[in-house]
Every structure is written in C-alpha cells, then in structure tokens.
C-alpha atoms as a PDB file:
ATOM      1  CA  MET A   1     222.226 279.898-101.847  1.00  0.00           C
ATOM      2  CA  SER A   2     223.705 279.467-105.300  1.00  0.00           C
ATOM      3  CA  ASN A   3     223.643 282.486-107.598  1.00  0.00           C
ATOM      4  CA  THR A   4     221.242 280.916-110.066  1.00  0.00           C
ATOM      5  CA  LEU A   5     220.011 284.351-111.205  1.00  0.00           C
ATOM      6  CA  GLU A   6     223.471 285.864-111.640  1.00  0.00           C
ATOM      7  CA  GLY A   7     223.408 288.472-114.419  1.00  0.00           C
ATOM      8  CA  LYS A   8     219.615 288.756-114.408  1.00  0.00           C
ATOM      9  CA  VAL A   9     217.656 291.938-113.732  1.00  0.00           C
ATOM     10  CA  ALA A  10     214.367 291.667-111.842  1.00  0.00           C
ATOM     11  CA  VAL A  11     211.799 294.469-111.655  1.00  0.00           C
ATOM     12  CA  ILE A  12     209.364 294.269-108.746  1.00  0.00           C
ATOM     13  CA  LEU A  13     206.254 296.442-108.804  1.00  0.00           C
ATOM     14  CA  GLY A  14     204.872 296.779-105.307  1.00  0.00           C
ATOM     15  CA  GLY A  15     208.411 296.242-104.094  1.00  0.00           C
ATOM     16  CA  THR A  16     207.854 297.996-100.773  1.00  0.00           C
ATOM     17  CA  GLY A  17     204.917 295.815 -99.698  1.00  0.00           C
ATOM     18  CA  GLY A  18     205.231 292.652 -97.636  1.00  0.00           C
ATOM     19  CA  ILE A  19     205.371 290.186-100.536  1.00  0.00           C
ATOM     20  CA  GLY A  20     207.431 292.583-102.654  1.00  0.00           C
ATOM     21  CA  VAL A  21     210.127 293.013 -99.996  1.00  0.00           C
ATOM     22  CA  ALA A  22     210.358 289.274 -99.358  1.00  0.00           C
ATOM     23  CA  THR A  23     210.609 288.652-103.108  1.00  0.00           C
ATOM     24  CA  ALA A  24     213.301 291.286-103.544  1.00  0.00           C
ATOM     25  CA  LYS A  25     215.394 289.645-100.834  1.00  0.00           C
ATOM     26  CA  ARG A  26     215.071 286.191-102.364  1.00  0.00           C
ATOM     27  CA  LEU A  27     215.835 287.255-105.933  1.00  0.00           C
ATOM     28  CA  ALA A  28     218.788 289.363-104.778  1.00  0.00           C
ATOM     29  CA  ALA A  29     220.142 286.455-102.732  1.00  0.00           C
ATOM     30  CA  ALA A  30     219.880 284.303-105.860  1.00  0.00           C
ATOM     31  CA  GLY A  31     222.151 286.758-107.686  1.00  0.00           C
ATOM     32  CA  ALA A  32     219.757 289.078-109.502  1.00  0.00           C
ATOM     33  CA  ARG A  33     220.032 292.843-109.575  1.00  0.00           C
ATOM     34  CA  VAL A  34     216.669 294.104-108.340  1.00  0.00           C
ATOM     35  CA  VAL A  35     214.683 297.216-109.232  1.00  0.00           C
ATOM     36  CA  VAL A  36     212.471 297.893-106.207  1.00  0.00           C
ATOM     37  CA  CYS A  37     209.477 299.982-107.272  1.00  0.00           C
ATOM     38  CA  GLY A  38     207.289 301.816-104.795  1.00  0.00           C
ATOM     39  CA  GLN A  39     204.119 303.769-105.443  1.00  0.00           C
ATOM     40  CA  SER A  40     205.147 307.168-104.062  1.00  0.00           C
ATOM     41  CA  ASP A  41     207.794 306.894-101.329  1.00  0.00           C
ATOM     42  CA  LEU A  42     211.273 306.717-102.859  1.00  0.00           C
ATOM     43  CA  GLY A  43     212.847 306.675 -99.407  1.00  0.00           C
ATOM     44  CA  LYS A  44     210.950 303.512 -98.493  1.00  0.00           C
ATOM     45  CA  ALA A  45     212.079 301.834-101.722  1.00  0.00           C
ATOM     46  CA  GLN A  46     215.668 302.915-101.041  1.00  0.00           C
ATOM     47  CA  HIS A  47     215.443 301.417 -97.552  1.00  0.00           C
ATOM     48  CA  VAL A  48     214.454 298.080 -99.099  1.00  0.00           C
ATOM     49  CA  VAL A  49     217.338 298.317-101.574  1.00  0.00           C
ATOM     50  CA  GLN A  50     219.809 298.933 -98.746  1.00  0.00           C
ATOM     51  CA  SER A  51     218.624 295.750 -97.011  1.00  0.00           C
ATOM     52  CA  LEU A  52     219.292 293.515-100.018  1.00  0.00           C
ATOM     53  CA  PRO A  53     222.290 291.231-100.404  1.00  0.00           C
ATOM     54  CA  GLY A  54     224.515 291.764-103.413  1.00  0.00           C
ATOM     55  CA  GLN A  55     225.172 294.870-105.486  1.00  0.00           C
ATOM     56  CA  GLY A  56     223.605 296.963-108.228  1.00  0.00           C
ATOM     57  CA  HIS A  57     220.054 297.227-106.907  1.00  0.00           C
ATOM     58  CA  VAL A  58     218.076 300.432-107.462  1.00  0.00           C
ATOM     59  CA  ALA A  59     214.933 302.070-106.093  1.00  0.00           C
ATOM     60  CA  LYS A  60     212.275 303.618-108.297  1.00  0.00           C
ATOM     61  CA  VAL A  61     208.860 305.223-107.903  1.00  0.00           C
ATOM     62  CA  VAL A  62     206.153 304.369-110.427  1.00  0.00           C
ATOM     63  CA  SER A  63     202.414 304.917-110.693  1.00  0.00           C
ATOM     64  CA  ILE A  64     201.185 301.523-111.873  1.00  0.00           C
ATOM     65  CA  ALA A  65     197.822 302.961-112.882  1.00  0.00           C
ATOM     66  CA  GLU A  66     199.490 305.281-115.418  1.00  0.00           C
ATOM     67  CA  SER A  67     200.833 303.610-118.533  1.00  0.00           C
ATOM     68  CA  ASP A  68     203.155 306.545-119.270  1.00  0.00           C
ATOM     69  CA  SER A  69     204.780 306.045-115.870  1.00  0.00           C
ATOM     70  CA  LEU A  70     205.304 302.341-116.590  1.00  0.00           C
ATOM     71  CA  ALA A  71     206.774 303.119-120.006  1.00  0.00           C
ATOM     72  CA  ALA A  72     209.145 305.622-118.399  1.00  0.00           C
ATOM     73  CA  LEU A  73     210.199 302.988-115.878  1.00  0.00           C
ATOM     74  CA  ALA A  74     210.965 300.534-118.670  1.00  0.00           C
ATOM     75  CA  GLY A  75     213.055 303.210-120.352  1.00  0.00           C
ATOM     76  CA  ASP A  76     214.949 303.878-117.122  1.00  0.00           C
ATOM     77  CA  VAL A  77     215.648 300.166-116.645  1.00  0.00           C
ATOM     78  CA  ARG A  78     216.920 299.896-120.221  1.00  0.00           C
ATOM     79  CA  ALA A  79     219.196 302.899-119.708  1.00  0.00           C
ATOM     80  CA  LEU A  80     220.527 301.602-116.375  1.00  0.00           C
ATOM     81  CA  PHE A  81     220.951 297.914-117.129  1.00  0.00           C
ATOM     82  CA  GLY A  82     220.324 297.356-120.835  1.00  0.00           C
ATOM     83  CA  ARG A  83     218.037 294.455-119.947  1.00  0.00           C
ATOM     84  CA  ALA A  84     215.141 293.155-117.864  1.00  0.00           C
ATOM     85  CA  ASP A  85     214.662 289.428-117.377  1.00  0.00           C
ATOM     86  CA  ILE A  86     211.999 289.156-114.674  1.00  0.00           C
ATOM     87  CA  LEU A  87     208.924 291.295-114.032  1.00  0.00           C
ATOM     88  CA  VAL A  88     207.039 290.658-110.798  1.00  0.00           C
ATOM     89  CA  ASN A  89     203.639 292.296-110.310  1.00  0.00           C
ATOM     90  CA  THR A  90     202.881 292.303-106.585  1.00  0.00           C
ATOM     91  CA  ALA A  91     201.178 295.705-106.376  1.00  0.00           C
ATOM     92  CA  GLY A  92     197.449 295.857-105.784  1.00  0.00           C
ATOM     93  CA  PHE A  93     194.588 297.448-103.889  1.00  0.00           C
ATOM     94  CA  THR A  94     191.369 296.345-102.230  1.00  0.00           C
ATOM     95  CA  LYS A  95     188.702 297.438 -99.786  1.00  0.00           C
ATOM     96  CA  PRO A  96     186.464 295.079 -97.801  1.00  0.00           C
ATOM     97  CA  VAL A  97     182.851 295.102 -98.997  1.00  0.00           C
ATOM     98  CA  ARG A  98     180.344 292.426 -97.978  1.00  0.00           C
ATOM     99  CA  HIS A  99     179.352 290.449-101.052  1.00  0.00           C
ATOM    100  CA  GLY A 100     175.661 290.921-100.335  1.00  0.00           C
ATOM    101  CA  ASP A 101     175.962 294.711-100.049  1.00  0.00           C
ATOM    102  CA  LEU A 102     175.601 295.581-103.710  1.00  0.00           C
ATOM    103  CA  GLU A 103     175.131 299.284-103.087  1.00  0.00           C
ATOM    104  CA  ALA A 104     178.475 299.575-101.271  1.00  0.00           C
ATOM    105  CA  LEU A 105     180.343 298.230-104.292  1.00  0.00           C
ATOM    106  CA  THR A 106     180.069 301.462-106.238  1.00  0.00           C
ATOM    107  CA  ASP A 107     180.963 301.999-109.872  1.00  0.00           C
ATOM    108  CA  GLU A 108     183.917 304.116-108.782  1.00  0.00           C
ATOM    109  CA  LEU A 109     185.296 301.413-106.483  1.00  0.00           C
ATOM    110  CA  ILE A 110     184.820 298.738-109.156  1.00  0.00           C
ATOM    111  CA  ASP A 111     186.710 300.852-111.686  1.00  0.00           C
ATOM    112  CA  GLU A 112     189.549 301.563-109.237  1.00  0.00           C
ATOM    113  CA  ILE A 113     189.930 297.900-108.309  1.00  0.00           C
ATOM    114  CA  MET A 114     189.986 296.759-111.923  1.00  0.00           C
ATOM    115  CA  LYS A 115     192.421 299.535-112.858  1.00  0.00           C
ATOM    116  CA  VAL A 116     194.918 298.740-110.110  1.00  0.00           C
ATOM    117  CA  ASN A 117     194.548 294.945-109.986  1.00  0.00           C
ATOM    118  CA  TRP A 118     194.193 294.017-113.664  1.00  0.00           C
ATOM    119  CA  ARG A 119     194.807 296.871-116.083  1.00  0.00           C
ATOM    120  CA  ALA A 120     198.013 297.929-114.342  1.00  0.00           C
ATOM    121  CA  GLN A 121     199.480 294.426-114.528  1.00  0.00           C
ATOM    122  CA  PHE A 122     198.659 294.171-118.220  1.00  0.00           C
ATOM    123  CA  ALA A 123     200.096 297.638-118.847  1.00  0.00           C
ATOM    124  CA  ALA A 124     203.301 296.729-117.013  1.00  0.00           C
ATOM    125  CA  ILE A 125     203.741 293.625-119.153  1.00  0.00           C
ATOM    126  CA  ARG A 126     203.061 295.708-122.262  1.00  0.00           C
ATOM    127  CA  ALA A 127     205.668 298.278-121.177  1.00  0.00           C
ATOM    128  CA  PHE A 128     208.329 295.647-120.477  1.00  0.00           C
ATOM    129  CA  ARG A 129     207.530 293.262-123.322  1.00  0.00           C
ATOM    130  CA  ALA A 130     210.383 294.380-125.562  1.00  0.00           C
ATOM    131  CA  LEU A 131     212.996 294.073-122.804  1.00  0.00           C
ATOM    132  CA  LEU A 132     211.682 290.700-121.661  1.00  0.00           C
ATOM    133  CA  ASP A 133     211.598 289.453-125.246  1.00  0.00           C
ATOM    134  CA  GLU A 134     215.183 290.600-125.803  1.00  0.00           C
ATOM    135  CA  SER A 135     216.176 288.575-122.756  1.00  0.00           C
ATOM    136  CA  GLY A 136     215.196 285.449-124.648  1.00  0.00           C
ATOM    137  CA  ALA A 137     214.138 283.864-121.375  1.00  0.00           C
ATOM    138  CA  GLY A 138     211.859 286.549-119.971  1.00  0.00           C
ATOM    139  CA  LEU A 139     209.540 285.823-117.069  1.00  0.00           C
ATOM    140  CA  VAL A 140     206.438 287.577-115.755  1.00  0.00           C
ATOM    141  CA  VAL A 141     205.036 286.571-112.375  1.00  0.00           C
ATOM    142  CA  ASN A 142     201.738 288.107-111.312  1.00  0.00           C
ATOM    143  CA  VAL A 143     200.462 287.756-107.760  1.00  0.00           C
ATOM    144  CA  SER A 144     196.898 286.543-108.081  1.00  0.00           C
ATOM    145  CA  SER A 145     194.642 285.215-105.291  1.00  0.00           C
ATOM    146  CA  ILE A 146     192.573 282.120-104.596  1.00  0.00           C
ATOM    147  CA  SER A 147     189.635 284.543-104.462  1.00  0.00           C
ATOM    148  CA  GLY A 148     189.741 284.459-108.254  1.00  0.00           C
ATOM    149  CA  SER A 149     188.599 280.845-108.202  1.00  0.00           C
ATOM    150  CA  THR A 150     186.726 280.590-104.886  1.00  0.00           C
ATOM    151  CA  GLY A 151     184.691 283.781-105.307  1.00  0.00           C
ATOM    152  CA  SER A 152     185.325 284.486-101.632  1.00  0.00           C
ATOM    153  CA  GLY A 153     187.441 287.535-100.931  1.00  0.00           C
ATOM    154  CA  SER A 154     187.483 291.143 -99.796  1.00  0.00           C
ATOM    155  CA  ASN A 155     184.865 292.108-102.385  1.00  0.00           C
ATOM    156  CA  ILE A 156     183.341 290.763-105.586  1.00  0.00           C
ATOM    157  CA  ALA A 157     185.239 293.130-107.880  1.00  0.00           C
ATOM    158  CA  TYR A 158     188.547 292.048-106.338  1.00  0.00           C
ATOM    159  CA  CYS A 159     187.632 288.397-106.941  1.00  0.00           C
ATOM    160  CA  ALA A 160     186.805 289.268-110.549  1.00  0.00           C
ATOM    161  CA  ALA A 161     190.092 291.128-111.043  1.00  0.00           C
ATOM    162  CA  LYS A 162     192.091 288.169-109.738  1.00  0.00           C
ATOM    163  CA  ALA A 163     190.130 285.762-111.931  1.00  0.00           C
ATOM    164  CA  GLY A 164     191.064 288.077-114.776  1.00  0.00           C
ATOM    165  CA  LEU A 165     194.751 287.759-113.869  1.00  0.00           C
ATOM    166  CA  ASP A 166     194.441 283.986-114.021  1.00  0.00           C
ATOM    167  CA  VAL A 167     192.953 284.221-117.511  1.00  0.00           C
ATOM    168  CA  MET A 168     195.622 286.757-118.491  1.00  0.00           C
ATOM    169  CA  ALA A 169     198.322 284.221-117.627  1.00  0.00           C
ATOM    170  CA  VAL A 170     196.705 281.692-119.952  1.00  0.00           C
ATOM    171  CA  SER A 171     196.303 284.173-122.797  1.00  0.00           C
ATOM    172  CA  LEU A 172     199.741 285.770-122.515  1.00  0.00           C
ATOM    173  CA  GLY A 173     201.453 282.486-121.759  1.00  0.00           C
ATOM    174  CA  ARG A 174     200.308 281.468-125.224  1.00  0.00           C
ATOM    175  CA  ALA A 175     200.800 284.814-126.960  1.00  0.00           C
ATOM    176  CA  LEU A 176     204.281 285.666-125.640  1.00  0.00           C
ATOM    177  CA  ALA A 177     205.863 282.222-125.913  1.00  0.00           C
ATOM    178  CA  PRO A 178     208.522 281.015-126.392  1.00  0.00           C
ATOM    179  CA  ARG A 179     210.693 283.964-125.317  1.00  0.00           C
ATOM    180  CA  ILE A 180     208.559 285.115-122.357  1.00  0.00           C
ATOM    181  CA  ARG A 181     206.922 282.876-119.760  1.00  0.00           C
ATOM    182  CA  VAL A 182     203.904 284.106-117.787  1.00  0.00           C
ATOM    183  CA  LEU A 183     202.982 282.586-114.430  1.00  0.00           C
ATOM    184  CA  ASN A 184     200.686 283.496-111.565  1.00  0.00           C
ATOM    185  CA  VAL A 185     201.316 282.777-107.896  1.00  0.00           C
ATOM    186  CA  SER A 186     197.999 282.588-106.048  1.00  0.00           C
ATOM    187  CA  PRO A 187     198.039 283.068-102.252  1.00  0.00           C
ATOM    188  CA  GLY A 188     195.262 282.622 -99.738  1.00  0.00           C
ATOM    189  CA  VAL A 189     195.401 284.714 -96.568  1.00  0.00           C
ATOM    190  CA  VAL A 190     198.848 286.263 -96.084  1.00  0.00           C
ATOM    191  CA  ASP A 191     200.127 287.952 -92.930  1.00  0.00           C
ATOM    192  CA  THR A 192     200.436 291.495 -94.306  1.00  0.00           C
ATOM    193  CA  SER A 193     198.446 294.711 -93.888  1.00  0.00           C
ATOM    194  CA  PHE A 194     197.141 294.473 -97.473  1.00  0.00           C
ATOM    195  CA  VAL A 195     193.434 294.192 -96.590  1.00  0.00           C
ATOM    196  CA  PRO A 196     192.370 297.122 -94.384  1.00  0.00           C
ATOM    197  CA  GLY A 197     190.703 296.118 -91.142  1.00  0.00           C
ATOM    198  CA  ARG A 198     191.969 292.552 -90.995  1.00  0.00           C
ATOM    199  CA  GLY A 199     193.862 291.942 -87.783  1.00  0.00           C
ATOM    200  CA  ALA A 200     194.953 289.164 -85.444  1.00  0.00           C
ATOM    201  CA  ASP A 201     191.419 287.842 -84.848  1.00  0.00           C
ATOM    202  CA  PHE A 202     190.809 287.368 -88.573  1.00  0.00           C
ATOM    203  CA  ASN A 203     194.214 285.746 -89.034  1.00  0.00           C
ATOM    204  CA  GLU A 204     193.647 283.319 -86.162  1.00  0.00           C
ATOM    205  CA  LYS A 205     190.282 282.237 -87.563  1.00  0.00           C
ATOM    206  CA  ALA A 206     191.780 281.866 -91.037  1.00  0.00           C
ATOM    207  CA  ALA A 207     194.645 279.773 -89.674  1.00  0.00           C
ATOM    208  CA  ALA A 208     192.224 277.491 -87.843  1.00  0.00           C
ATOM    209  CA  SER A 209     190.301 276.811 -91.067  1.00  0.00           C
ATOM    210  CA  THR A 210     193.406 276.252 -93.218  1.00  0.00           C
ATOM    211  CA  PRO A 211     194.455 272.583 -93.602  1.00  0.00           C
ATOM    212  CA  LEU A 212     198.160 273.297 -93.007  1.00  0.00           C
ATOM    213  CA  GLY A 213     197.284 275.100 -89.785  1.00  0.00           C
ATOM    214  CA  ARG A 214     198.522 278.617 -90.442  1.00  0.00           C
ATOM    215  CA  ILE A 215     198.128 281.551 -92.784  1.00  0.00           C
ATOM    216  CA  GLY A 216     200.798 282.414 -95.298  1.00  0.00           C
ATOM    217  CA  ALA A 217     203.879 284.478 -94.581  1.00  0.00           C
ATOM    218  CA  PRO A 218     205.183 286.879 -97.233  1.00  0.00           C
ATOM    219  CA  ASP A 219     208.215 284.634 -97.664  1.00  0.00           C
ATOM    220  CA  ASP A 220     205.971 281.672 -98.568  1.00  0.00           C
ATOM    221  CA  ILE A 221     204.772 283.635-101.577  1.00  0.00           C
ATOM    222  CA  ALA A 222     208.240 284.989-102.353  1.00  0.00           C
ATOM    223  CA  GLU A 223     209.625 281.460-102.314  1.00  0.00           C
ATOM    224  CA  ALA A 224     207.091 280.431-104.949  1.00  0.00           C
ATOM    225  CA  ILE A 225     207.948 283.475-107.081  1.00  0.00           C
ATOM    226  CA  GLU A 226     211.624 282.581-106.818  1.00  0.00           C
ATOM    227  CA  ALA A 227     210.823 279.015-107.854  1.00  0.00           C
ATOM    228  CA  CYS A 228     209.125 280.338-111.002  1.00  0.00           C
ATOM    229  CA  ALA A 229     212.454 281.919-111.948  1.00  0.00           C
ATOM    230  CA  THR A 230     214.847 279.211-110.815  1.00  0.00           C
ATOM    231  CA  HIS A 231     213.107 275.842-111.051  1.00  0.00           C
ATOM    232  CA  LEU A 232     209.814 275.895-112.969  1.00  0.00           C
ATOM    233  CA  LYS A 233     211.435 276.727-116.273  1.00  0.00           C
ATOM    234  CA  PHE A 234     209.159 274.482-118.344  1.00  0.00           C
ATOM    235  CA  SER A 235     205.975 276.080-116.979  1.00  0.00           C
ATOM    236  CA  THR A 236     203.984 278.936-118.471  1.00  0.00           C
ATOM    237  CA  GLY A 237     200.388 280.109-118.714  1.00  0.00           C
ATOM    238  CA  THR A 238     199.296 278.640-115.408  1.00  0.00           C
ATOM    239  CA  THR A 239     198.539 279.598-111.804  1.00  0.00           C
ATOM    240  CA  ILE A 240     200.460 278.122-108.892  1.00  0.00           C
ATOM    241  CA  VAL A 241     198.410 278.028-105.697  1.00  0.00           C
ATOM    242  CA  VAL A 242     200.281 278.759-102.461  1.00  0.00           C
ATOM    243  CA  ASP A 243     197.560 278.824 -99.801  1.00  0.00           C
ATOM    244  CA  GLY A 244     198.223 276.074 -97.260  1.00  0.00           C
ATOM    245  CA  GLY A 245     195.194 274.257 -98.684  1.00  0.00           C
ATOM    246  CA  ARG A 246     192.819 277.050 -97.694  1.00  0.00           C
ATOM    247  CA  ARG A 247     190.771 276.787-100.900  1.00  0.00           C
ATOM    248  CA  LEU A 248     189.937 273.170 -99.940  1.00  0.00           C
ATOM    249  CA  GLY A 249     187.804 274.303 -97.003  1.00  0.00           C
END
C-alpha cells in the first residue's frame, strides 16, 4: 500500500473497538501516525498500538462523554505532534429495547444514548476544530448507522442519535468548509460485540436478509473510512452507506 497519508496524524476515538482497531491498522498502513483512544483501559489501547505498522503511534485514554477530557486529549495531541489531520469517531453505546416497549426506554437511557452517540461526537469535533483547521485539509469521519434512516435498530433513541449524526454531517460540512471536511460512514449489521445479546443466530438471519449475502466485517467499515481520507477528497457533508444493501430489504 502506498503511503498516501504520510505525515498525517489520525485520532481514533473508540480505537479499541472492532471498527476502531481495523481503522487504526488501515490508516497506519497508509502512512499516518495514529492516536488510539480507549475509554478506560490504557493497556488495551497500547496493545492496539503495538500491532500497527509504521512508527510514532500512541495510546490514550479519554472519556468521550466529558468535554474537558476531550479538550485535554486535543492538547496532548498538539503537544506530541503539533497537528491533527483526521478525527474518526467510532465510539458509541447502545442497549437493545423493543421499539414497542415505551416504558423500557427510560429517560435515563435516552439521555445516556444521546450523550454518548451524538453529544460526544460533536464535542470531539469542537475540541479538535482548531487543529483540524490548522491542517488546512482536516477530515472528520463519524460512524453513523443505517438505523438513522431506516428507523430499525437496537432502540428508538439509538436510531434518533444516528439520524442526528447524519444531520450533523450536513450542518458541519457546510459550517467548517473549506478547511475541514465532515463525512459519515453508515454501516448496517457489523460482526462485532457492539450490541449486547446479538450472537451467531442474529448474524446468520441478518446475512440471509442482506442482498450481498453477508453482514459487514469491521474492515469493510474501516476501508470506507480510509477511502474518505485517501480518495473521496471532493466529498463533504454526506453519509456513505456501507451495509451490503441491507437497507434495501
């Protein structure tokens, strides 16, 4: 692979999750120095860093739900590298709740889902805006979900949060241009442990109802994120669906 991201610094929030790890490997292989950010386990983030090709990668711990923690991370990245060119928001949280069970979707759960899946992404962009703007060719990639447009997902609040990310890309794609591009990558079902309680049976059923005949792998999503940085340089403010056609069903 050519080092098309040579000299760039990429910050990955949720860098120890399935999509985050796959993205870190792809961006590192393309030449970027990668900041792998975990939620609480520095050792896990360091393990990911040690698996990456290239040099200069670092592990960090950040609480994405705390804006002060995100601001501190941006300060650390500035001190370490003097720049940040790519911010990838893969971190998130959900809990399965049947859409018809309105009582189970409590106020507290709604607030937590919106905080972790929408506010945190906005706060991360806010924290890194100056660095990305100084890059002159900054890029934000948020991991959305087809649930934001289909209304079918782990719970209604999660669908709403992902729809909000799609709108955020439109708004910030306009507001932060021309020095920062904002894109969303929108998966369907991905083979990770992200949604509690979903196992092989769910995945097999999802694969059978997906036009391309399988569910997504983390690397499918990482490949799309990489493409946002390396190939789709005239795109901003839009959502790129990577779901094997699942939303067509």
